[in-house]
């Protein structure tokens, strides 16, 4: 036989074998994409604090004049003038001093009893933190089909109708299978 013919047959056999190996690998290779069967939002209950404020009104009485000198001075003057009307000499001096002291004391007490007050109304904010439970979406529960089995993983985004197999196999499944 001709050397060229033998060489050609050998090259053909090598190429055919190589093609068969690659075809077998391609048929047995896992798919690049898998079908998504179901997508549902993954929700968690979380505590959300919020500040709740209400207005509170208060009323208090305030004296108009905390200075009681006017009653004391007027009482001392009137008491001294009345005491000056009693007695002679040193008795008059003692009566004037006694009248001034008694009049000052009486004037101060009268001033205190008749002092007017103002009613003051204040409004203050009373705030407190109130916690409430809310649902927060933390991702998507994605169920996909591979080799007749369904697996569910938690993903950050909705993948659509198909997802890369390499993307879902890198995630832990929620149903315990891998």
N, C-alpha and C. Protein backbone atom coordinates (compact mmCIF):
# COMPACT_ATOMS: atom_id res chain seq x y z
N UNK A 1 0.82 -1.17 0.00
CA UNK A 1 0.00 0.00 0.00
C UNK A 1 0.86 1.22 0.00
N UNK A 2 0.23 2.17 -0.35
CA UNK A 2 0.92 3.44 -0.51
C UNK A 2 1.08 4.12 0.84
N UNK A 3 2.24 4.69 1.09
CA UNK A 3 2.51 5.34 2.36
C UNK A 3 1.57 6.52 2.59
N UNK A 4 1.25 7.21 1.54
CA UNK A 4 0.36 8.37 1.67
C UNK A 4 -1.04 7.93 2.07
N UNK A 5 -1.48 6.84 1.57
CA UNK A 5 -2.80 6.32 1.89
C UNK A 5 -2.85 5.90 3.37
N UNK A 6 -1.82 5.21 3.81
CA UNK A 6 -1.77 4.77 5.20
C UNK A 6 -1.73 5.99 6.13
N UNK A 7 -0.91 6.95 5.77
CA UNK A 7 -0.82 8.18 6.56
C UNK A 7 -2.17 8.90 6.60
N UNK A 8 -2.85 8.97 5.50
CA UNK A 8 -4.16 9.63 5.42
C UNK A 8 -5.19 8.92 6.26
N UNK A 9 -5.18 7.55 6.24
CA UNK A 9 -6.12 6.79 7.04
C UNK A 9 -5.84 7.01 8.53
N UNK A 10 -4.58 7.02 8.89
CA UNK A 10 -4.22 7.23 10.29
C UNK A 10 -4.65 8.62 10.78
N UNK A 11 -4.42 9.62 9.95
CA UNK A 11 -4.84 10.98 10.32
C UNK A 11 -6.36 11.03 10.45
N UNK A 12 -7.08 10.37 9.55
CA UNK A 12 -8.54 10.34 9.61
C UNK A 12 -9.05 9.68 10.87
N UNK A 13 -8.39 8.56 11.27
CA UNK A 13 -8.79 7.85 12.48
C UNK A 13 -8.55 8.74 13.72
N UNK A 14 -7.40 9.41 13.76
CA UNK A 14 -7.10 10.30 14.89
C UNK A 14 -8.13 11.43 14.96
N UNK A 15 -8.44 12.03 13.83
CA UNK A 15 -9.42 13.13 13.82
C UNK A 15 -10.81 12.65 14.22
N UNK A 16 -11.19 11.48 13.74
CA UNK A 16 -12.51 10.94 14.08
C UNK A 16 -12.59 10.62 15.57
N UNK A 17 -11.53 10.06 16.12
CA UNK A 17 -11.52 9.74 17.55
C UNK A 17 -11.56 11.01 18.39
N UNK A 18 -10.77 11.99 17.98
CA UNK A 18 -10.77 13.26 18.71
C UNK A 18 -12.14 13.91 18.65
N UNK A 19 -12.78 13.91 17.52
CA UNK A 19 -14.12 14.48 17.37
C UNK A 19 -15.13 13.75 18.22
N UNK A 20 -15.02 12.42 18.30
CA UNK A 20 -15.94 11.63 19.12
C UNK A 20 -15.75 11.95 20.60
N UNK A 21 -14.51 12.12 21.03
CA UNK A 21 -14.24 12.45 22.43
C UNK A 21 -14.84 13.81 22.77
N UNK A 22 -14.60 14.79 21.91
CA UNK A 22 -15.15 16.13 22.16
C UNK A 22 -16.67 16.12 22.13
N UNK A 23 -17.25 15.37 21.23
CA UNK A 23 -18.72 15.30 21.15
C UNK A 23 -19.30 14.64 22.40
N UNK A 24 -18.65 13.60 22.88
CA UNK A 24 -19.11 12.94 24.09
C UNK A 24 -19.03 13.87 25.29
N UNK A 25 -17.92 14.58 25.37
CA UNK A 25 -17.78 15.54 26.48
C UNK A 25 -18.84 16.64 26.37
N UNK A 26 -19.10 17.12 25.19
CA UNK A 26 -20.09 18.17 25.01
C UNK A 26 -21.48 17.68 25.39
N UNK A 27 -21.80 16.44 25.07
CA UNK A 27 -23.11 15.89 25.42
C UNK A 27 -23.23 15.66 26.92
N UNK A 28 -22.15 15.27 27.56
CA UNK A 28 -22.19 14.99 28.98
C UNK A 28 -21.90 16.21 29.85
N UNK A 29 -21.54 17.34 29.25
CA UNK A 29 -21.22 18.56 30.01
C UNK A 29 -22.50 19.15 30.59
N UNK A 30 -22.41 19.68 31.79
CA UNK A 30 -23.61 20.31 32.36
C UNK A 30 -23.99 21.54 31.54
N UNK A 31 -25.27 21.89 31.56
CA UNK A 31 -25.68 23.06 30.78
C UNK A 31 -25.11 24.35 31.39
N UNK A 32 -24.94 25.35 30.55
CA UNK A 32 -24.44 26.63 31.05
C UNK A 32 -25.54 27.38 31.80
N UNK A 33 -26.79 27.24 31.35
CA UNK A 33 -27.94 27.89 31.98
C UNK A 33 -28.94 26.84 32.41
N UNK A 34 -29.68 27.13 33.48
CA UNK A 34 -30.76 26.26 33.93
C UNK A 34 -32.05 27.08 33.97
N UNK A 35 -33.17 26.37 33.85
CA UNK A 35 -34.47 27.04 33.85
C UNK A 35 -34.89 27.39 35.27
N UNK A 36 -35.40 28.59 35.42
CA UNK A 36 -35.95 29.03 36.70
C UNK A 36 -37.41 28.62 36.75
N UNK A 37 -37.78 27.90 37.78
CA UNK A 37 -39.14 27.39 37.92
C UNK A 37 -40.02 28.39 38.66
N UNK A 38 -39.45 29.00 39.71
CA UNK A 38 -40.25 29.90 40.55
C UNK A 38 -39.34 30.94 41.19
N UNK A 39 -39.85 32.17 41.30
CA UNK A 39 -39.15 33.25 42.01
C UNK A 39 -40.16 33.89 42.97
N UNK A 40 -39.75 34.00 44.24
CA UNK A 40 -40.62 34.62 45.25
C UNK A 40 -39.75 35.53 46.13
N UNK A 41 -40.30 36.64 46.56
CA UNK A 41 -39.51 37.51 47.45
C UNK A 41 -39.26 36.82 48.79
N UNK A 42 -38.06 36.99 49.32
CA UNK A 42 -37.70 36.47 50.65
C UNK A 42 -37.88 37.61 51.64
N UNK A 43 -38.80 37.46 52.57
CA UNK A 43 -39.11 38.50 53.54
C UNK A 43 -38.67 38.09 54.93
N UNK A 44 -38.26 39.07 55.73
CA UNK A 44 -37.92 38.85 57.13
C UNK A 44 -38.63 39.88 57.97
N UNK A 45 -38.98 39.48 59.20
CA UNK A 45 -39.57 40.41 60.15
C UNK A 45 -38.42 41.15 60.85
N UNK A 46 -38.43 42.47 60.78
CA UNK A 46 -37.40 43.27 61.45
C UNK A 46 -38.08 44.32 62.32
N UNK A 47 -37.38 44.72 63.37
CA UNK A 47 -37.88 45.75 64.27
C UNK A 47 -37.42 47.11 63.77
N UNK A 48 -38.37 47.99 63.55
CA UNK A 48 -38.07 49.34 63.09
C UNK A 48 -38.43 50.32 64.20
N UNK A 49 -37.43 51.00 64.77
CA UNK A 49 -37.75 52.02 65.79
C UNK A 49 -38.21 53.31 65.13
N UNK A 50 -39.14 53.97 65.76
CA UNK A 50 -39.56 55.29 65.28
C UNK A 50 -39.90 56.15 66.48
N UNK A 51 -39.68 57.44 66.34
CA UNK A 51 -39.92 58.37 67.43
C UNK A 51 -41.34 58.90 67.32
N UNK A 52 -42.08 58.79 68.42
CA UNK A 52 -43.46 59.27 68.48
C UNK A 52 -43.48 60.43 69.48
N UNK A 53 -43.94 61.59 69.03
CA UNK A 53 -43.95 62.78 69.88
C UNK A 53 -45.37 63.31 70.03
N UNK A 54 -45.68 63.78 71.23
CA UNK A 54 -46.96 64.43 71.48
C UNK A 54 -46.70 65.73 72.24
N UNK A 55 -47.58 66.70 72.01
CA UNK A 55 -47.46 67.96 72.73
C UNK A 55 -48.17 67.84 74.07
N UNK A 56 -47.51 68.31 75.12
CA UNK A 56 -48.08 68.26 76.46
C UNK A 56 -48.17 69.69 76.97
N UNK A 57 -49.38 70.09 77.43
CA UNK A 57 -49.58 71.43 77.97
C UNK A 57 -49.51 71.38 79.49
N UNK A 58 -48.83 72.37 80.07
CA UNK A 58 -48.76 72.48 81.53
C UNK A 58 -49.17 73.90 81.92
N UNK A 59 -49.72 74.02 83.11
CA UNK A 59 -50.14 75.32 83.64
C UNK A 59 -49.50 75.50 85.01
N UNK A 60 -48.99 76.70 85.29
CA UNK A 60 -48.41 76.97 86.60
C UNK A 60 -48.67 78.42 86.96
N UNK A 61 -48.71 78.67 88.26
CA UNK A 61 -48.95 80.01 88.79
C UNK A 61 -47.61 80.66 89.11
N UNK A 62 -47.43 81.90 88.68
CA UNK A 62 -46.19 82.63 88.91
C UNK A 62 -46.55 83.97 89.54
N UNK A 63 -45.88 84.30 90.66
CA UNK A 63 -46.10 85.60 91.30
C UNK A 63 -45.57 86.72 90.42
N UNK A 64 -46.31 87.84 90.41
CA UNK A 64 -45.89 88.95 89.57
C UNK A 64 -44.68 89.68 90.15
N UNK A 65 -44.63 89.77 91.51
CA UNK A 65 -43.56 90.54 92.14
C UNK A 65 -43.03 89.75 93.32
N UNK A 66 -41.85 89.23 93.18
CA UNK A 66 -41.25 88.51 94.29
C UNK A 66 -40.60 89.48 95.29
N UNK A 67 -40.59 90.74 94.95
CA UNK A 67 -39.97 91.76 95.80
C UNK A 67 -41.07 92.36 96.68
N UNK A 68 -41.03 92.07 97.98
CA UNK A 68 -42.07 92.54 98.90
C UNK A 68 -41.63 93.81 99.66
N UNK A 69 -40.71 94.58 99.14
CA UNK A 69 -40.19 95.78 99.82
C UNK A 69 -41.23 96.88 99.91
N UNK A 70 -42.07 97.01 98.89
CA UNK A 70 -43.04 98.12 98.90
C UNK A 70 -43.96 98.05 100.11
N UNK A 71 -44.52 96.88 100.39
CA UNK A 71 -45.40 96.73 101.56
C UNK A 71 -44.66 96.96 102.85
N UNK A 72 -43.43 96.48 102.92
CA UNK A 72 -42.63 96.65 104.14
C UNK A 72 -42.33 98.12 104.38
N UNK A 73 -41.93 98.84 103.36
CA UNK A 73 -41.58 100.28 103.49
C UNK A 73 -42.82 101.10 103.87
N UNK A 74 -43.90 100.87 103.15
CA UNK A 74 -45.12 101.65 103.44
C UNK A 74 -45.62 101.33 104.84
N UNK A 75 -45.60 100.03 105.23
CA UNK A 75 -46.03 99.64 106.58
C UNK A 75 -45.15 100.25 107.64
N UNK A 76 -43.83 100.31 107.42
CA UNK A 76 -42.91 100.90 108.40
C UNK A 76 -43.17 102.39 108.54
N UNK A 77 -43.40 103.09 107.43
CA UNK A 77 -43.68 104.53 107.48
C UNK A 77 -44.98 104.82 108.23
N UNK A 78 -46.02 104.08 107.91
CA UNK A 78 -47.32 104.30 108.57
C UNK A 78 -47.22 103.93 110.05
N UNK A 79 -46.57 102.78 110.36
CA UNK A 79 -46.41 102.35 111.75
C UNK A 79 -45.57 103.34 112.54
N UNK A 80 -44.52 103.86 111.93
CA UNK A 80 -43.68 104.88 112.60
C UNK A 80 -44.45 106.15 112.85
N UNK A 81 -45.27 106.58 111.89
CA UNK A 81 -46.07 107.80 112.05
C UNK A 81 -47.09 107.62 113.16
N UNK A 82 -47.72 106.47 113.24
CA UNK A 82 -48.70 106.21 114.30
C UNK A 82 -47.99 106.13 115.65
N UNK A 83 -46.84 105.44 115.70
CA UNK A 83 -46.08 105.33 116.95
C UNK A 83 -45.58 106.69 117.43
N UNK A 84 -45.33 107.60 116.53
CA UNK A 84 -44.86 108.94 116.87
C UNK A 84 -45.95 109.75 117.56
N UNK A 85 -47.18 109.37 117.40
CA UNK A 85 -48.31 110.08 118.00
C UNK A 85 -48.48 109.72 119.48
N UNK A 86 -47.77 108.66 119.95
CA UNK A 86 -47.95 108.17 121.31
C UNK A 86 -46.80 108.66 122.18
N UNK A 87 -47.09 109.15 123.35
CA UNK A 87 -46.10 109.47 124.36
C UNK A 87 -45.31 110.73 124.10
N UNK A 88 -44.29 110.99 125.09
CA UNK A 88 -43.41 112.15 125.02
C UNK A 88 -41.97 111.69 125.13
N UNK A 89 -41.04 112.47 124.67
CA UNK A 89 -39.60 112.25 124.87
C UNK A 89 -39.15 110.91 124.35
N UNK A 90 -38.45 110.21 125.34
CA UNK A 90 -37.89 108.91 124.95
C UNK A 90 -39.00 107.89 124.70
N UNK A 91 -40.10 107.99 125.31
CA UNK A 91 -41.23 107.08 125.09
C UNK A 91 -41.76 107.22 123.67
N UNK A 92 -41.74 108.48 123.19
CA UNK A 92 -42.19 108.73 121.82
C UNK A 92 -41.21 108.07 120.84
N UNK A 93 -39.90 108.19 121.11
CA UNK A 93 -38.90 107.57 120.22
C UNK A 93 -39.09 106.05 120.19
N UNK A 94 -39.28 105.45 121.39
CA UNK A 94 -39.47 103.99 121.46
C UNK A 94 -40.75 103.60 120.76
N UNK A 95 -41.81 104.38 120.90
CA UNK A 95 -43.09 104.08 120.25
C UNK A 95 -42.96 104.22 118.73
N UNK A 96 -42.17 105.20 118.29
CA UNK A 96 -41.97 105.38 116.85
C UNK A 96 -41.23 104.16 116.26
N UNK A 97 -40.17 103.72 116.97
CA UNK A 97 -39.41 102.55 116.49
C UNK A 97 -40.29 101.31 116.52
N UNK A 98 -41.00 101.09 117.59
CA UNK A 98 -41.87 99.92 117.70
C UNK A 98 -42.96 99.97 116.64
N UNK A 99 -43.53 101.15 116.39
CA UNK A 99 -44.56 101.29 115.35
C UNK A 99 -44.00 101.01 113.97
N UNK A 100 -42.77 101.47 113.72
CA UNK A 100 -42.13 101.24 112.41
C UNK A 100 -41.88 99.75 112.20
N UNK A 101 -41.38 99.05 113.25
CA UNK A 101 -41.11 97.61 113.12
C UNK A 101 -42.41 96.86 112.92
N UNK A 102 -43.40 97.13 113.74
CA UNK A 102 -44.69 96.44 113.63
C UNK A 102 -45.36 96.77 112.30
N UNK A 103 -45.29 98.01 111.88
CA UNK A 103 -45.89 98.41 110.60
C UNK A 103 -45.19 97.76 109.41
N UNK A 104 -43.86 97.67 109.49
CA UNK A 104 -43.11 97.01 108.40
C UNK A 104 -43.48 95.56 108.28
N UNK A 105 -43.57 94.87 109.44
CA UNK A 105 -43.96 93.46 109.43
C UNK A 105 -45.38 93.29 108.88
N UNK A 106 -46.30 94.13 109.37
CA UNK A 106 -47.71 94.05 108.92
C UNK A 106 -47.80 94.36 107.43
N UNK A 107 -47.09 95.36 106.97
CA UNK A 107 -47.13 95.72 105.55
C UNK A 107 -46.60 94.61 104.65
N UNK A 108 -45.57 93.95 105.12
CA UNK A 108 -44.99 92.84 104.34
C UNK A 108 -46.00 91.71 104.23
N UNK A 109 -46.65 91.35 105.33
CA UNK A 109 -47.63 90.26 105.32
C UNK A 109 -48.84 90.61 104.47
N UNK A 110 -49.30 91.83 104.55
CA UNK A 110 -50.45 92.26 103.73
C UNK A 110 -50.08 92.21 102.25
N UNK A 111 -48.86 92.66 101.92
CA UNK A 111 -48.38 92.62 100.54
C UNK A 111 -48.31 91.18 100.03
N UNK A 112 -47.83 90.28 100.89
CA UNK A 112 -47.70 88.88 100.49
C UNK A 112 -49.07 88.26 100.23
N UNK A 113 -50.05 88.54 101.08
CA UNK A 113 -51.38 87.95 100.93
C UNK A 113 -52.14 88.50 99.73
N UNK A 114 -51.87 89.71 99.37
CA UNK A 114 -52.61 90.34 98.27
C UNK A 114 -51.85 90.35 96.95
N UNK A 115 -50.72 89.72 96.95
CA UNK A 115 -49.93 89.71 95.72
C UNK A 115 -50.67 88.87 94.67
N UNK A 116 -50.74 89.37 93.46
CA UNK A 116 -51.42 88.67 92.38
C UNK A 116 -50.45 87.72 91.68
N UNK A 117 -51.03 86.68 91.07
CA UNK A 117 -50.21 85.71 90.33
C UNK A 117 -50.69 85.67 88.89
N UNK A 118 -49.79 85.27 88.05
CA UNK A 118 -50.11 85.05 86.63
C UNK A 118 -50.14 83.55 86.38
N UNK A 119 -51.07 83.15 85.52
CA UNK A 119 -51.13 81.75 85.11
C UNK A 119 -50.32 81.65 83.81
N UNK A 120 -49.31 80.79 83.83
CA UNK A 120 -48.44 80.61 82.67
C UNK A 120 -48.71 79.24 82.09
N UNK A 121 -48.94 79.20 80.79
CA UNK A 121 -49.16 77.93 80.09
C UNK A 121 -47.94 77.65 79.23
N UNK A 122 -47.40 76.46 79.40
CA UNK A 122 -46.25 76.02 78.60
C UNK A 122 -46.66 74.82 77.78
N UNK A 123 -46.02 74.69 76.63
CA UNK A 123 -46.22 73.51 75.80
C UNK A 123 -44.85 72.86 75.61
N UNK A 124 -44.80 71.58 75.88
CA UNK A 124 -43.54 70.84 75.73
C UNK A 124 -43.80 69.62 74.86
N UNK A 125 -42.74 69.16 74.20
CA UNK A 125 -42.84 67.94 73.39
C UNK A 125 -42.42 66.76 74.25
N UNK A 126 -43.26 65.75 74.30
CA UNK A 126 -42.97 64.52 75.02
C UNK A 126 -42.72 63.45 73.97
N UNK A 127 -41.47 63.00 73.82
CA UNK A 127 -41.12 62.04 72.77
C UNK A 127 -40.65 60.73 73.39
N UNK A 128 -40.97 59.64 72.67
CA UNK A 128 -40.50 58.31 73.09
C UNK A 128 -40.28 57.47 71.84
N UNK A 129 -39.46 56.45 71.98
CA UNK A 129 -39.18 55.55 70.85
C UNK A 129 -40.16 54.39 70.91
N UNK A 130 -40.78 54.13 69.78
CA UNK A 130 -41.75 53.04 69.69
C UNK A 130 -41.24 52.06 68.63
N UNK A 131 -41.13 50.79 68.99
CA UNK A 131 -40.69 49.76 68.04
C UNK A 131 -41.89 49.10 67.41
N UNK A 132 -41.76 48.84 66.10
CA UNK A 132 -42.83 48.12 65.42
C UNK A 132 -42.20 47.12 64.46
N UNK A 133 -42.89 46.01 64.26
CA UNK A 133 -42.39 44.96 63.38
C UNK A 133 -42.86 45.24 61.96
N UNK A 134 -41.92 45.15 61.01
CA UNK A 134 -42.24 45.32 59.60
C UNK A 134 -41.57 44.21 58.81
N UNK A 135 -42.11 43.92 57.64
CA UNK A 135 -41.49 42.95 56.75
C UNK A 135 -40.54 43.68 55.81
N UNK A 136 -39.34 43.13 55.68
CA UNK A 136 -38.33 43.73 54.82
C UNK A 136 -37.87 42.66 53.83
N UNK A 137 -37.80 43.02 52.55
CA UNK A 137 -37.34 42.06 51.55
C UNK A 137 -35.81 41.98 51.60
N UNK A 138 -35.29 40.76 51.77
CA UNK A 138 -33.85 40.57 51.88
C UNK A 138 -33.28 39.85 50.66
N UNK A 139 -34.11 39.50 49.71
CA UNK A 139 -33.64 38.82 48.50
C UNK A 139 -34.79 38.09 47.81
N UNK A 140 -34.41 37.09 47.00
CA UNK A 140 -35.39 36.31 46.26
C UNK A 140 -35.12 34.82 46.47
N UNK A 141 -36.20 34.05 46.70
CA UNK A 141 -36.11 32.58 46.73
C UNK A 141 -36.27 32.12 45.30
N UNK A 142 -35.21 31.56 44.74
CA UNK A 142 -35.21 31.14 43.33
C UNK A 142 -35.15 29.62 43.28
N UNK A 143 -36.16 29.01 42.66
CA UNK A 143 -36.20 27.56 42.48
C UNK A 143 -35.87 27.27 41.02
N UNK A 144 -34.89 26.38 40.81
CA UNK A 144 -34.48 26.03 39.44
C UNK A 144 -34.49 24.52 39.30
N UNK A 145 -34.55 24.07 38.04
CA UNK A 145 -34.59 22.63 37.75
C UNK A 145 -33.27 22.22 37.12
N UNK A 146 -32.72 21.09 37.63
CA UNK A 146 -31.47 20.54 37.08
C UNK A 146 -31.52 19.02 37.26
N UNK A 147 -31.37 18.32 36.15
CA UNK A 147 -31.35 16.85 36.16
C UNK A 147 -32.58 16.25 36.83
N UNK A 148 -33.73 16.85 36.58
CA UNK A 148 -34.97 16.32 37.13
C UNK A 148 -35.22 16.66 38.59
N UNK A 149 -34.33 17.43 39.20
CA UNK A 149 -34.49 17.83 40.60
C UNK A 149 -34.69 19.33 40.67
N UNK A 150 -35.45 19.72 41.68
CA UNK A 150 -35.64 21.15 41.91
C UNK A 150 -34.83 21.57 43.14
N UNK A 151 -34.16 22.71 43.02
CA UNK A 151 -33.37 23.24 44.13
C UNK A 151 -33.74 24.71 44.30
N UNK A 152 -33.67 25.17 45.54
CA UNK A 152 -34.03 26.55 45.84
C UNK A 152 -32.84 27.23 46.51
N UNK A 153 -32.52 28.42 46.02
CA UNK A 153 -31.42 29.21 46.58
C UNK A 153 -31.93 30.62 46.86
N UNK A 154 -31.22 31.33 47.72
CA UNK A 154 -31.53 32.73 48.01
C UNK A 154 -30.59 33.60 47.20
N UNK A 155 -31.17 34.48 46.36
CA UNK A 155 -30.36 35.37 45.52
C UNK A 155 -30.72 36.82 45.82
N UNK A 156 -29.78 37.70 45.54
CA UNK A 156 -29.99 39.13 45.78
C UNK A 156 -30.88 39.76 44.72
N UNK A 157 -30.98 39.15 43.55
CA UNK A 157 -31.75 39.73 42.46
C UNK A 157 -32.66 38.67 41.84
N UNK A 158 -33.67 39.12 41.13
CA UNK A 158 -34.55 38.23 40.37
C UNK A 158 -33.82 37.87 39.07
N UNK A 159 -33.50 36.59 38.84
CA UNK A 159 -32.69 36.23 37.67
C UNK A 159 -33.47 36.19 36.36
N UNK A 160 -34.77 36.19 36.41
CA UNK A 160 -35.55 36.08 35.18
C UNK A 160 -35.90 34.62 34.90
N UNK A 161 -35.97 34.23 33.61
CA UNK A 161 -36.41 32.88 33.25
C UNK A 161 -35.29 31.85 33.32
N UNK A 162 -34.04 32.27 33.16
CA UNK A 162 -32.90 31.36 33.25
C UNK A 162 -31.81 31.99 34.09
N UNK A 163 -30.96 31.13 34.64
CA UNK A 163 -29.85 31.60 35.46
C UNK A 163 -28.63 30.74 35.14
N UNK A 164 -27.45 31.35 35.22
CA UNK A 164 -26.21 30.59 35.00
C UNK A 164 -26.07 29.52 36.08
N UNK A 165 -25.75 28.32 35.66
CA UNK A 165 -25.57 27.23 36.60
C UNK A 165 -24.44 27.54 37.57
N UNK A 166 -23.37 28.15 37.08
CA UNK A 166 -22.24 28.48 37.95
C UNK A 166 -22.65 29.48 39.05
N UNK A 167 -23.65 30.30 38.75
CA UNK A 167 -24.11 31.29 39.73
C UNK A 167 -24.90 30.64 40.85
N UNK A 168 -25.77 29.67 40.54
CA UNK A 168 -26.59 29.06 41.58
C UNK A 168 -25.85 27.95 42.32
N UNK A 169 -24.90 27.30 41.69
CA UNK A 169 -24.18 26.25 42.40
C UNK A 169 -23.21 26.84 43.42
N UNK A 170 -22.86 28.12 43.28
CA UNK A 170 -21.99 28.77 44.26
C UNK A 170 -22.75 29.16 45.53
N UNK A 171 -24.08 29.09 45.48
CA UNK A 171 -24.92 29.46 46.63
C UNK A 171 -25.36 28.22 47.38
N UNK A 172 -25.54 28.34 48.66
CA UNK A 172 -26.08 27.24 49.47
C UNK A 172 -27.58 27.15 49.21
N UNK A 173 -28.06 25.93 49.04
CA UNK A 173 -29.49 25.76 48.78
C UNK A 173 -30.28 25.89 50.08
N UNK A 174 -31.51 26.36 49.96
CA UNK A 174 -32.37 26.54 51.12
C UNK A 174 -33.08 25.25 51.51
N UNK A 175 -33.15 24.30 50.54
CA UNK A 175 -33.86 23.05 50.82
C UNK A 175 -32.93 21.92 51.23
N UNK A 176 -31.65 22.23 51.47
CA UNK A 176 -30.71 21.23 51.98
C UNK A 176 -29.99 20.43 50.92
N UNK A 177 -30.35 20.57 49.65
CA UNK A 177 -29.66 19.83 48.60
C UNK A 177 -28.64 20.72 47.92
N UNK A 178 -27.64 20.11 47.29
CA UNK A 178 -26.63 20.88 46.54
C UNK A 178 -26.38 20.30 45.20
